[in-house]
Protein backbone atom coordinates (compact mmCIF):
# COMPACT_ATOMS: atom_id res chain seq x y z
CA MET A 1 1.62 22.69 -3.29
CA ASN A 2 -1.65 24.57 -4.59
CA THR A 3 -4.80 24.15 -2.34
CA ILE A 4 -8.35 24.84 -3.39
CA PRO A 5 -10.56 26.44 -0.62
CA PHE A 6 -13.74 24.69 -0.41
CA ASP A 7 -16.06 27.54 -1.38
CA ASP A 8 -14.27 27.99 -4.48
CA TYR A 9 -14.86 24.25 -5.53
CA LEU A 10 -18.08 24.09 -4.61
CA ARG A 11 -18.61 27.34 -6.78
CA ARG A 12 -17.15 25.73 -9.76
CA PHE A 13 -18.50 22.37 -9.22
CA ASP A 14 -20.69 21.55 -12.44
CA TYR A 15 -21.82 18.27 -14.49
CA ALA A 16 -18.01 17.95 -15.93
CA GLU A 17 -16.85 17.78 -12.75
CA ARG A 18 -19.32 15.31 -11.17
CA LEU A 19 -18.10 12.88 -14.32
CA ALA A 20 -14.48 13.71 -13.48
CA MET A 21 -14.53 12.98 -9.93
CA LYS A 22 -15.62 9.30 -10.54
CA ILE A 23 -13.65 6.35 -12.41
CA GLN A 24 -15.04 2.73 -13.17
CA LEU A 25 -13.29 -0.35 -13.00
CA ALA A 26 -12.38 -0.72 -16.87
CA GLU A 27 -10.24 2.65 -16.98
CA MET A 28 -8.77 2.32 -13.57
CA PHE A 29 -7.68 -1.09 -14.65
CA ASP A 30 -6.25 0.39 -17.72
CA LEU A 31 -4.56 3.35 -16.03
CA TYR A 32 -2.95 1.64 -13.22
CA ALA A 33 -1.66 -1.20 -15.60
CA GLU A 34 -0.01 2.01 -17.41
CA GLY A 35 1.35 3.25 -14.56
CA LYS A 36 -0.72 6.36 -14.72
CA ALA A 37 -2.63 5.54 -11.17
CA HIS A 38 -1.68 5.30 -8.04
CA LEU A 39 -4.40 3.43 -6.31
CA ILE A 40 -5.07 4.10 -2.58
CA ASP A 41 -6.82 1.88 -0.14
CA ILE A 42 -8.19 4.23 2.47
CA ARG A 43 -9.96 1.51 4.95
CA PHE A 44 -9.17 1.44 8.33
CA ARG A 45 -6.02 -0.98 9.18
CA GLU A 46 -8.16 -3.50 10.99
CA GLU A 47 -10.14 -3.88 7.62
CA TYR A 48 -7.13 -4.12 5.52
CA ALA A 49 -5.52 -6.58 8.05
CA ALA A 50 -8.37 -8.60 7.55
CA TRP A 51 -8.19 -8.56 3.80
CA ASN A 52 -6.56 -6.68 0.98
CA LEU A 53 -6.43 -6.71 -2.97
CA GLY A 54 -2.78 -7.55 -3.29
CA ILE A 55 -2.27 -3.97 -5.55
CA GLY A 56 -2.46 -0.65 -4.42
CA THR A 57 -1.31 1.54 -1.26
CA HIS A 58 -2.92 1.31 1.94
CA ILE A 59 -3.20 4.77 3.27
CA PRO A 60 -5.91 4.83 6.04
CA LEU A 61 -8.38 7.95 5.46
CA ASN A 62 -7.64 9.39 8.95
CA GLU A 63 -3.76 9.06 8.14
CA LEU A 64 -4.03 10.82 4.57
CA PRO A 65 -3.13 14.44 5.49
CA ASP A 66 -0.23 13.04 7.00
CA ARG A 67 0.76 11.09 4.37
CA LEU A 68 0.53 13.19 1.34
CA GLY A 69 4.28 13.08 0.60
CA GLU A 70 3.81 9.59 -0.49
CA LEU A 71 1.74 10.04 -3.20
CA ASP A 72 2.62 10.71 -6.82
CA ARG A 73 1.54 14.25 -8.14
CA GLY A 74 2.30 13.01 -11.69
CA LYS A 75 -0.49 10.38 -11.83
CA THR A 76 -4.21 10.69 -10.92
CA ILE A 77 -4.81 9.40 -7.31
CA VAL A 78 -7.63 6.76 -7.34
CA THR A 79 -8.96 6.24 -4.03
CA MET A 80 -11.11 3.20 -2.98
CA CYS A 81 -13.03 1.48 -0.46
CA PRO A 82 -15.46 -1.30 -0.18
CA HIS A 83 -18.19 0.46 -1.80
CA TYR A 84 -17.25 4.62 -2.41
CA ASP A 85 -18.52 6.62 0.68
CA ARG A 86 -15.02 6.91 2.35
CA ALA A 87 -13.35 6.87 -0.95
CA GLU A 88 -15.36 10.18 -2.23
CA ILE A 89 -14.24 11.80 1.17
CA ALA A 90 -10.77 11.01 0.49
CA ARG A 91 -10.85 11.95 -3.43
CA LEU A 92 -12.41 15.67 -2.33
CA TYR A 93 -9.56 15.95 0.19
CA LEU A 94 -7.10 15.39 -2.36
CA THR A 95 -8.89 17.36 -4.55
CA LEU A 96 -8.58 20.72 -2.47
CA GLN A 97 -5.09 19.59 -1.94
CA GLY A 98 -4.05 20.15 -5.71
CA PHE A 99 -4.10 16.73 -6.73
CA THR A 100 -5.96 14.92 -9.85
CA SER A 101 -8.37 12.25 -7.93
CA ARG A 102 -11.20 10.16 -8.59
CA TYR A 103 -12.87 7.86 -6.71
CA LEU A 104 -13.72 4.22 -7.75
CA THR A 105 -17.46 4.17 -8.23
CA ASP A 106 -17.55 0.41 -8.16
CA GLY A 107 -15.61 -0.06 -4.70
CA MET A 108 -12.98 -2.76 -3.75
CA LEU A 109 -15.89 -5.09 -4.10
CA GLY A 110 -16.42 -4.35 -7.58
CA ILE A 111 -12.40 -5.03 -8.18
CA VAL A 112 -12.79 -8.60 -6.09
CA ASN A 113 -15.73 -9.71 -8.27
CA ALA A 114 -13.93 -8.59 -11.68
CA LEU A 115 -10.44 -10.33 -10.49
CA ARG A 116 -11.68 -14.05 -10.06
CA GLY A 117 -9.83 -16.66 -11.21
CA ASP A 118 -8.66 -16.43 -14.65
CA LYS A 119 -9.08 -12.32 -15.38
CA ALA A 120 -6.89 -12.06 -11.70
CA ARG A 121 -4.52 -14.10 -13.47
CA ASP A 122 -4.28 -12.39 -16.67
CA TYR A 123 -4.29 -8.91 -14.88
CA MET A 124 -1.30 -9.53 -12.77
CA ILE A 125 0.37 -10.84 -16.02
CA ARG A 126 -0.32 -7.44 -17.47
CA LEU A 127 1.11 -5.45 -14.63
CA GLY A 128 4.07 -7.49 -14.67
CA GLU A 129 4.65 -6.60 -18.46
CA THR A 130 3.90 -3.02 -18.36
CA ARG A 131 5.93 -2.24 -15.05
């Protein structure tokens, strides 16, 4: 595993990295359907028990350091939470651990809004056809 010291990450942080650390819904949906992204729900267990999306993997933020072995280093790791604050913490941690990672700017609430009615059906059909 090739970790990056935080000081080094900050020294090389620029506009390109600022853009690269984010992913929006349309791109995330495409990468996930193509099997190129691993979607991680980093919310607390109680939040996940109350509601979840049915796609992605649940790894609470506070368990992430102990569960890195569950992540596929060959894929872009997309972190998500309801908005994006904890997802960005997870993304930064994963980046420093040597993963290619991005956080979902629209958050899980954006996914919920985007996958309503026919759109949810159509996307789940797409996932079935591409996996």
